[in-house]
């Protein structure tokens, strides 16, 4: 593969985007861009500042005074918020829901859009999120939409939260997943939806390796056709 592609991976919460995208990037020797972490970091700052999620004026002012950066450390992506590592703090259910809400605000999307596009300027990147192929990188070389049934996604998310020490029931996680699906897909700005020219990948009943190999095959297949 001579050309270094921009590859996007979109999908609903709990579909395995982060794990799969990280492995896909590694398999291609590409950079992994966790765009969801950018929105989570901003949501954390909104929460700490005590702002309401619909306070557009206050959040717009906060955005202009916020510095967010991603960096790789020992094979994992870490996120800095105003110079502080907040990687672990942004992975709570509360911040996830708040991130879904504030990410729909035009001021927030505009602030982070330039950050994401600059990261992909030279290609060789796997960008994971919810509107990568439809809004952020509409001209991406390969676009994936990774999904799974809500019960399967809830189970995965529940196990992940328990591993991090969060006491939450599977029913609670399922309700959050369904609510977030509705919130993400019905929002006016950049709703969650598959790209018309994308590849739909359903991970239900598949191992992570099987999903990654399927996606690697699609990227390499495109590269071979371009030769």
C-alpha atoms as a PDB file:
ATOM      1  CA  UNK A   1       0.000   0.000   0.000  1.00  0.00           C
ATOM      2  CA  UNK A   2       1.843   3.071  -1.261  1.00  0.00           C
ATOM      3  CA  UNK A   3      -0.932   5.586  -0.633  1.00  0.00           C
ATOM      4  CA  UNK A   4      -1.649   6.248   3.025  1.00  0.00           C
ATOM      5  CA  UNK A   5      -5.421   6.250   3.322  1.00  0.00           C
ATOM      6  CA  UNK A   6      -7.846   8.044   5.592  1.00  0.00           C
ATOM      7  CA  UNK A   7      -9.996   5.264   7.060  1.00  0.00           C
ATOM      8  CA  UNK A   8     -13.103   6.029   9.124  1.00  0.00           C
ATOM      9  CA  UNK A   9     -14.932   3.787  11.574  1.00  0.00           C
ATOM     10  CA  UNK A  10     -18.350   4.976  12.746  1.00  0.00           C
ATOM     11  CA  UNK A  11     -20.951   3.196  14.798  1.00  0.00           C
ATOM     12  CA  UNK A  12     -23.140   3.263  17.913  1.00  0.00           C
ATOM     13  CA  UNK A  13     -21.970   3.011  21.521  1.00  0.00           C
ATOM     14  CA  UNK A  14     -20.667  -0.394  22.519  1.00  0.00           C
ATOM     15  CA  UNK A  15     -20.097  -1.659  18.984  1.00  0.00           C
ATOM     16  CA  UNK A  16     -16.392  -2.156  19.676  1.00  0.00           C
ATOM     17  CA  UNK A  17     -15.190   0.796  17.605  1.00  0.00           C
ATOM     18  CA  UNK A  18     -12.314   1.766  19.868  1.00  0.00           C
ATOM     19  CA  UNK A  19     -10.779  -1.704  20.171  1.00  0.00           C
ATOM     20  CA  UNK A  20     -11.302  -2.582  16.524  1.00  0.00           C
ATOM     21  CA  UNK A  21     -10.081   0.797  15.248  1.00  0.00           C
ATOM     22  CA  UNK A  22      -6.941   0.601  17.368  1.00  0.00           C
ATOM     23  CA  UNK A  23      -6.168  -2.896  16.065  1.00  0.00           C
ATOM     24  CA  UNK A  24      -6.985  -1.891  12.493  1.00  0.00           C
ATOM     25  CA  UNK A  25      -4.599   1.060  12.755  1.00  0.00           C
ATOM     26  CA  UNK A  26      -1.897  -1.224  14.130  1.00  0.00           C
ATOM     27  CA  UNK A  27      -2.426  -3.742  11.324  1.00  0.00           C
ATOM     28  CA  UNK A  28      -2.051  -0.993   8.730  1.00  0.00           C
ATOM     29  CA  UNK A  29       0.777   0.772  10.607  1.00  0.00           C
ATOM     30  CA  UNK A  30      -1.484   3.830  10.757  1.00  0.00           C
ATOM     31  CA  UNK A  31      -2.227   6.366  13.500  1.00  0.00           C
ATOM     32  CA  UNK A  32      -5.372   5.785  15.568  1.00  0.00           C
ATOM     33  CA  UNK A  33      -7.527   8.874  16.129  1.00  0.00           C
ATOM     34  CA  UNK A  34     -10.009   8.475  19.003  1.00  0.00           C
ATOM     35  CA  UNK A  35     -12.325  11.379  18.212  1.00  0.00           C
ATOM     36  CA  UNK A  36     -14.825  10.359  20.867  1.00  0.00           C
ATOM     37  CA  UNK A  37     -12.200  11.083  23.510  1.00  0.00           C
ATOM     38  CA  UNK A  38     -12.033  14.686  22.307  1.00  0.00           C
ATOM     39  CA  UNK A  39     -15.739  15.182  22.972  1.00  0.00           C
ATOM     40  CA  UNK A  40     -15.556  13.323  26.275  1.00  0.00           C
ATOM     41  CA  UNK A  41     -12.716  15.588  27.425  1.00  0.00           C
ATOM     42  CA  UNK A  42     -14.725  18.676  26.607  1.00  0.00           C
ATOM     43  CA  UNK A  43     -17.756  17.173  28.344  1.00  0.00           C
ATOM     44  CA  UNK A  44     -15.617  16.622  31.431  1.00  0.00           C
ATOM     45  CA  UNK A  45     -14.634  20.288  31.439  1.00  0.00           C
ATOM     46  CA  UNK A  46     -18.291  21.297  31.044  1.00  0.00           C
ATOM     47  CA  UNK A  47     -19.167  19.091  34.018  1.00  0.00           C
ATOM     48  CA  UNK A  48     -16.375  20.420  36.221  1.00  0.00           C
ATOM     49  CA  UNK A  49     -17.332  23.994  35.310  1.00  0.00           C
ATOM     50  CA  UNK A  50     -20.912  23.287  36.413  1.00  0.00           C
ATOM     51  CA  UNK A  51     -22.396  24.377  33.093  1.00  0.00           C
ATOM     52  CA  UNK A  52     -25.746  23.138  31.831  1.00  0.00           C
ATOM     53  CA  UNK A  53     -25.536  21.041  28.666  1.00  0.00           C
ATOM     54  CA  UNK A  54     -27.794  23.523  26.842  1.00  0.00           C
ATOM     55  CA  UNK A  55     -25.809  26.617  27.870  1.00  0.00           C
ATOM     56  CA  UNK A  56     -24.485  27.364  24.391  1.00  0.00           C
ATOM     57  CA  UNK A  57     -23.000  30.731  25.336  1.00  0.00           C
ATOM     58  CA  UNK A  58     -21.134  29.358  28.323  1.00  0.00           C
ATOM     59  CA  UNK A  59     -19.922  26.260  26.459  1.00  0.00           C
ATOM     60  CA  UNK A  60     -18.809  28.348  23.473  1.00  0.00           C
ATOM     61  CA  UNK A  61     -16.689  30.494  25.794  1.00  0.00           C
ATOM     62  CA  UNK A  62     -15.301  27.374  27.439  1.00  0.00           C
ATOM     63  CA  UNK A  63     -14.383  25.893  24.036  1.00  0.00           C
ATOM     64  CA  UNK A  64     -12.335  28.938  23.095  1.00  0.00           C
ATOM     65  CA  UNK A  65     -10.301  28.583  26.296  1.00  0.00           C
ATOM     66  CA  UNK A  66      -9.717  24.832  26.084  1.00  0.00           C
ATOM     67  CA  UNK A  67      -6.700  22.908  24.852  1.00  0.00           C
ATOM     68  CA  UNK A  68      -7.221  19.231  23.999  1.00  0.00           C
ATOM     69  CA  UNK A  69      -4.544  16.915  22.650  1.00  0.00           C
ATOM     70  CA  UNK A  70      -4.128  13.185  22.002  1.00  0.00           C
ATOM     71  CA  UNK A  71      -0.845  11.315  22.318  1.00  0.00           C
ATOM     72  CA  UNK A  72       0.388   7.730  22.194  1.00  0.00           C
ATOM     73  CA  UNK A  73       1.936   6.147  25.281  1.00  0.00           C
ATOM     74  CA  UNK A  74       3.024   2.496  25.384  1.00  0.00           C
ATOM     75  CA  UNK A  75       0.630   1.555  22.580  1.00  0.00           C
ATOM     76  CA  UNK A  76      -2.379   3.342  24.109  1.00  0.00           C
ATOM     77  CA  UNK A  77      -3.962   6.678  23.288  1.00  0.00           C
ATOM     78  CA  UNK A  78      -3.936   9.187  26.142  1.00  0.00           C
ATOM     79  CA  UNK A  79      -5.761  12.498  26.221  1.00  0.00           C
ATOM     80  CA  UNK A  80      -4.633  15.792  27.701  1.00  0.00           C
ATOM     81  CA  UNK A  81      -7.136  18.418  28.789  1.00  0.00           C
ATOM     82  CA  UNK A  82      -5.437  21.761  29.361  1.00  0.00           C
ATOM     83  CA  UNK A  83      -2.184  19.886  29.956  1.00  0.00           C
ATOM     84  CA  UNK A  84      -3.646  17.310  32.370  1.00  0.00           C
ATOM     85  CA  UNK A  85      -4.007  13.608  31.569  1.00  0.00           C
ATOM     86  CA  UNK A  86      -7.737  12.848  31.925  1.00  0.00           C
ATOM     87  CA  UNK A  87      -7.800   9.509  30.100  1.00  0.00           C
ATOM     88  CA  UNK A  88      -9.405   7.601  32.975  1.00  0.00           C
ATOM     89  CA  UNK A  89     -11.727  10.394  34.102  1.00  0.00           C
ATOM     90  CA  UNK A  90     -13.596  10.587  30.785  1.00  0.00           C
ATOM     91  CA  UNK A  91     -14.671   6.931  30.720  1.00  0.00           C
ATOM     92  CA  UNK A  92     -17.665   7.102  33.070  1.00  0.00           C
ATOM     93  CA  UNK A  93     -21.317   6.601  32.025  1.00  0.00           C
ATOM     94  CA  UNK A  94     -22.134  10.161  33.110  1.00  0.00           C
ATOM     95  CA  UNK A  95     -19.443  11.733  30.936  1.00  0.00           C
ATOM     96  CA  UNK A  96     -20.448   9.474  28.031  1.00  0.00           C
ATOM     97  CA  UNK A  97     -24.028  10.758  28.135  1.00  0.00           C
ATOM     98  CA  UNK A  98     -22.916  14.363  28.547  1.00  0.00           C
ATOM     99  CA  UNK A  99     -20.497  13.999  25.628  1.00  0.00           C
ATOM    100  CA  UNK A 100     -23.333  12.777  23.437  1.00  0.00           C
ATOM    101  CA  UNK A 101     -25.329  15.892  24.361  1.00  0.00           C
ATOM    102  CA  UNK A 102     -22.644  18.564  24.021  1.00  0.00           C
ATOM    103  CA  UNK A 103     -21.288  17.028  20.797  1.00  0.00           C
ATOM    104  CA  UNK A 104     -24.517  18.101  19.094  1.00  0.00           C
ATOM    105  CA  UNK A 105     -23.757  21.787  19.755  1.00  0.00           C
ATOM    106  CA  UNK A 106     -22.426  23.659  16.679  1.00  0.00           C
ATOM    107  CA  UNK A 107     -19.858  25.502  18.798  1.00  0.00           C
ATOM    108  CA  UNK A 108     -18.376  22.253  20.055  1.00  0.00           C
ATOM    109  CA  UNK A 109     -18.278  20.571  16.660  1.00  0.00           C
ATOM    110  CA  UNK A 110     -16.672  23.603  15.030  1.00  0.00           C
ATOM    111  CA  UNK A 111     -13.979  23.770  17.716  1.00  0.00           C
ATOM    112  CA  UNK A 112     -12.988  20.116  17.316  1.00  0.00           C
ATOM    113  CA  UNK A 113     -13.499  19.751  13.558  1.00  0.00           C
ATOM    114  CA  UNK A 114     -10.261  21.546  12.716  1.00  0.00           C
ATOM    115  CA  UNK A 115      -8.342  19.438  15.258  1.00  0.00           C
ATOM    116  CA  UNK A 116      -9.549  16.223  13.647  1.00  0.00           C
ATOM    117  CA  UNK A 117      -8.947  17.271  10.045  1.00  0.00           C
ATOM    118  CA  UNK A 118      -5.462  18.527  10.784  1.00  0.00           C
ATOM    119  CA  UNK A 119      -4.598  15.158  12.323  1.00  0.00           C
ATOM    120  CA  UNK A 120      -5.580  13.412   9.076  1.00  0.00           C
ATOM    121  CA  UNK A 121      -3.999  15.879   6.663  1.00  0.00           C
ATOM    122  CA  UNK A 122      -1.239  13.500   5.568  1.00  0.00           C
ATOM    123  CA  UNK A 123      -3.362  10.328   5.576  1.00  0.00           C
ATOM    124  CA  UNK A 124      -2.284   7.114   7.229  1.00  0.00           C
ATOM    125  CA  UNK A 125      -4.955   7.395   9.901  1.00  0.00           C
ATOM    126  CA  UNK A 126      -7.904   5.429  11.279  1.00  0.00           C
ATOM    127  CA  UNK A 127     -10.458   7.894  12.662  1.00  0.00           C
ATOM    128  CA  UNK A 128     -13.115   6.479  14.973  1.00  0.00           C
ATOM    129  CA  UNK A 129     -16.309   8.234  15.992  1.00  0.00           C
ATOM    130  CA  UNK A 130     -19.936   8.717  15.016  1.00  0.00           C
ATOM    131  CA  UNK A 131     -19.815  11.041  12.006  1.00  0.00           C
ATOM    132  CA  UNK A 132     -16.314  10.505  10.641  1.00  0.00           C
ATOM    133  CA  UNK A 133     -17.399   9.214   7.236  1.00  0.00           C
ATOM    134  CA  UNK A 134     -20.461  11.421   6.863  1.00  0.00           C
ATOM    135  CA  UNK A 135     -19.313  14.823   8.173  1.00  0.00           C
ATOM    136  CA  UNK A 136     -15.697  15.074   9.320  1.00  0.00           C
ATOM    137  CA  UNK A 137     -14.069  13.111   6.477  1.00  0.00           C
ATOM    138  CA  UNK A 138     -16.702  12.770   3.715  1.00  0.00           C
ATOM    139  CA  UNK A 139     -13.909  12.139   1.202  1.00  0.00           C
ATOM    140  CA  UNK A 140     -12.271   9.353   3.243  1.00  0.00           C
ATOM    141  CA  UNK A 141     -10.746   6.543   1.209  1.00  0.00           C
ATOM    142  CA  UNK A 142     -12.433   3.722   3.145  1.00  0.00           C
ATOM    143  CA  UNK A 143     -15.454   4.103   5.416  1.00  0.00           C
ATOM    144  CA  UNK A 144     -16.781   1.519   7.857  1.00  0.00           C
ATOM    145  CA  UNK A 145     -19.953   1.467   9.941  1.00  0.00           C
ATOM    146  CA  UNK A 146     -19.476  -0.999  12.780  1.00  0.00           C
ATOM    147  CA  UNK A 147     -22.537  -2.166  14.643  1.00  0.00           C
ATOM    148  CA  UNK A 148     -24.034  -4.968  16.741  1.00  0.00           C
ATOM    149  CA  UNK A 149     -27.368  -5.661  18.413  1.00  0.00           C
ATOM    150  CA  UNK A 150     -28.212  -3.479  21.459  1.00  0.00           C
ATOM    151  CA  UNK A 151     -28.143  -6.459  23.834  1.00  0.00           C
ATOM    152  CA  UNK A 152     -24.694  -7.487  22.638  1.00  0.00           C
ATOM    153  CA  UNK A 153     -23.372  -3.936  22.871  1.00  0.00           C
ATOM    154  CA  UNK A 154     -24.820  -3.519  26.342  1.00  0.00           C
ATOM    155  CA  UNK A 155     -23.189  -6.726  27.556  1.00  0.00           C
ATOM    156  CA  UNK A 156     -19.798  -5.597  26.254  1.00  0.00           C
ATOM    157  CA  UNK A 157     -20.173  -2.170  27.835  1.00  0.00           C
ATOM    158  CA  UNK A 158     -21.306  -3.697  31.150  1.00  0.00           C
ATOM    159  CA  UNK A 159     -18.240  -5.962  31.309  1.00  0.00           C
ATOM    160  CA  UNK A 160     -15.990  -3.011  30.483  1.00  0.00           C
ATOM    161  CA  UNK A 161     -17.495  -0.867  33.240  1.00  0.00           C
ATOM    162  CA  UNK A 162     -17.283  -3.669  35.809  1.00  0.00           C
ATOM    163  CA  UNK A 163     -13.623  -4.196  34.922  1.00  0.00           C
ATOM    164  CA  UNK A 164     -13.046  -0.535  35.749  1.00  0.00           C
ATOM    165  CA  UNK A 165     -14.746  -0.880  39.113  1.00  0.00           C
ATOM    166  CA  UNK A 166     -18.111   0.707  38.251  1.00  0.00           C
ATOM    167  CA  UNK A 167     -21.067  -0.926  40.018  1.00  0.00           C
ATOM    168  CA  UNK A 168     -23.866  -0.883  37.462  1.00  0.00           C
ATOM    169  CA  UNK A 169     -26.494  -3.404  36.400  1.00  0.00           C
ATOM    170  CA  UNK A 170     -26.818  -4.826  32.903  1.00  0.00           C
ATOM    171  CA  UNK A 171     -30.364  -3.438  32.683  1.00  0.00           C
ATOM    172  CA  UNK A 172     -29.085   0.048  33.469  1.00  0.00           C
ATOM    173  CA  UNK A 173     -26.449  -0.206  30.766  1.00  0.00           C
ATOM    174  CA  UNK A 174     -29.027  -1.434  28.236  1.00  0.00           C
ATOM    175  CA  UNK A 175     -31.280   1.540  29.017  1.00  0.00           C
ATOM    176  CA  UNK A 176     -28.324   3.905  28.577  1.00  0.00           C
ATOM    177  CA  UNK A 177     -27.351   2.291  25.272  1.00  0.00           C
ATOM    178  CA  UNK A 178     -30.887   2.532  23.879  1.00  0.00           C
ATOM    179  CA  UNK A 179     -31.225   6.134  25.068  1.00  0.00           C
ATOM    180  CA  UNK A 180     -27.880   7.115  23.600  1.00  0.00           C
ATOM    181  CA  UNK A 181     -28.685   5.400  20.291  1.00  0.00           C
ATOM    182  CA  UNK A 182     -31.852   7.473  20.066  1.00  0.00           C
ATOM    183  CA  UNK A 183     -30.077  10.667  21.109  1.00  0.00           C
ATOM    184  CA  UNK A 184     -27.213  10.180  18.637  1.00  0.00           C
ATOM    185  CA  UNK A 185     -29.397   9.193  15.687  1.00  0.00           C
ATOM    186  CA  UNK A 186     -32.088  11.847  16.172  1.00  0.00           C
ATOM    187  CA  UNK A 187     -29.918  14.902  16.775  1.00  0.00           C
ATOM    188  CA  UNK A 188     -30.175  17.595  14.109  1.00  0.00           C
ATOM    189  CA  UNK A 189     -26.430  18.165  13.665  1.00  0.00           C
ATOM    190  CA  UNK A 190     -24.310  15.237  12.415  1.00  0.00           C
ATOM    191  CA  UNK A 191     -26.704  12.407  13.356  1.00  0.00           C
ATOM    192  CA  UNK A 192     -25.369   8.873  13.671  1.00  0.00           C
ATOM    193  CA  UNK A 193     -25.989   7.051  10.387  1.00  0.00           C
ATOM    194  CA  UNK A 194     -24.082   4.843   7.935  1.00  0.00           C
ATOM    195  CA  UNK A 195     -22.364   6.577   5.039  1.00  0.00           C
ATOM    196  CA  UNK A 196     -23.947   5.741   1.683  1.00  0.00           C
ATOM    197  CA  UNK A 197     -20.559   4.709   0.279  1.00  0.00           C
ATOM    198  CA  UNK A 198     -19.409   2.895   3.407  1.00  0.00           C
ATOM    199  CA  UNK A 199     -18.960  -0.756   4.374  1.00  0.00           C
ATOM    200  CA  UNK A 200     -21.395  -2.106   6.980  1.00  0.00           C
ATOM    201  CA  UNK A 201     -19.759  -4.508   9.456  1.00  0.00           C
ATOM    202  CA  UNK A 202     -21.950  -6.328  11.991  1.00  0.00           C
ATOM    203  CA  UNK A 203     -19.814  -7.655  14.849  1.00  0.00           C
ATOM    204  CA  UNK A 204     -22.581  -9.663  16.523  1.00  0.00           C
ATOM    205  CA  UNK A 205     -21.294 -13.172  17.211  1.00  0.00           C
ATOM    206  CA  UNK A 206     -17.842 -12.407  15.794  1.00  0.00           C
ATOM    207  CA  UNK A 207     -14.520 -12.230  17.581  1.00  0.00           C
ATOM    208  CA  UNK A 208     -12.526  -9.019  17.523  1.00  0.00           C
ATOM    209  CA  UNK A 209      -9.905 -10.670  15.329  1.00  0.00           C
ATOM    210  CA  UNK A 210     -12.549 -11.757  12.832  1.00  0.00           C
ATOM    211  CA  UNK A 211     -13.909  -8.218  12.589  1.00  0.00           C
ATOM    212  CA  UNK A 212     -10.449  -6.685  12.212  1.00  0.00           C
ATOM    213  CA  UNK A 213      -9.453  -9.181   9.509  1.00  0.00           C
ATOM    214  CA  UNK A 214     -12.654  -8.412   7.607  1.00  0.00           C
ATOM    215  CA  UNK A 215     -11.878  -4.699   7.692  1.00  0.00           C
ATOM    216  CA  UNK A 216      -8.198  -5.175   6.836  1.00  0.00           C
ATOM    217  CA  UNK A 217      -9.313  -7.184   3.825  1.00  0.00           C
ATOM    218  CA  UNK A 218     -11.552  -4.355   2.655  1.00  0.00           C
ATOM    219  CA  UNK A 219      -8.774  -1.757   2.939  1.00  0.00           C
ATOM    220  CA  UNK A 220      -6.189  -3.952   1.232  1.00  0.00           C
ATOM    221  CA  UNK A 221      -8.710  -4.896  -1.440  1.00  0.00           C
ATOM    222  CA  UNK A 222      -9.193  -1.243  -2.303  1.00  0.00           C
ATOM    223  CA  UNK A 223      -5.427  -0.741  -2.393  1.00  0.00           C
ATOM    224  CA  UNK A 224      -4.928  -3.677  -4.771  1.00  0.00           C
ATOM    225  CA  UNK A 225      -7.595  -2.364  -7.141  1.00  0.00           C
ATOM    226  CA  UNK A 226      -5.837   1.008  -7.203  1.00  0.00           C
ATOM    227  CA  UNK A 227      -2.586  -0.536  -8.462  1.00  0.00           C
END
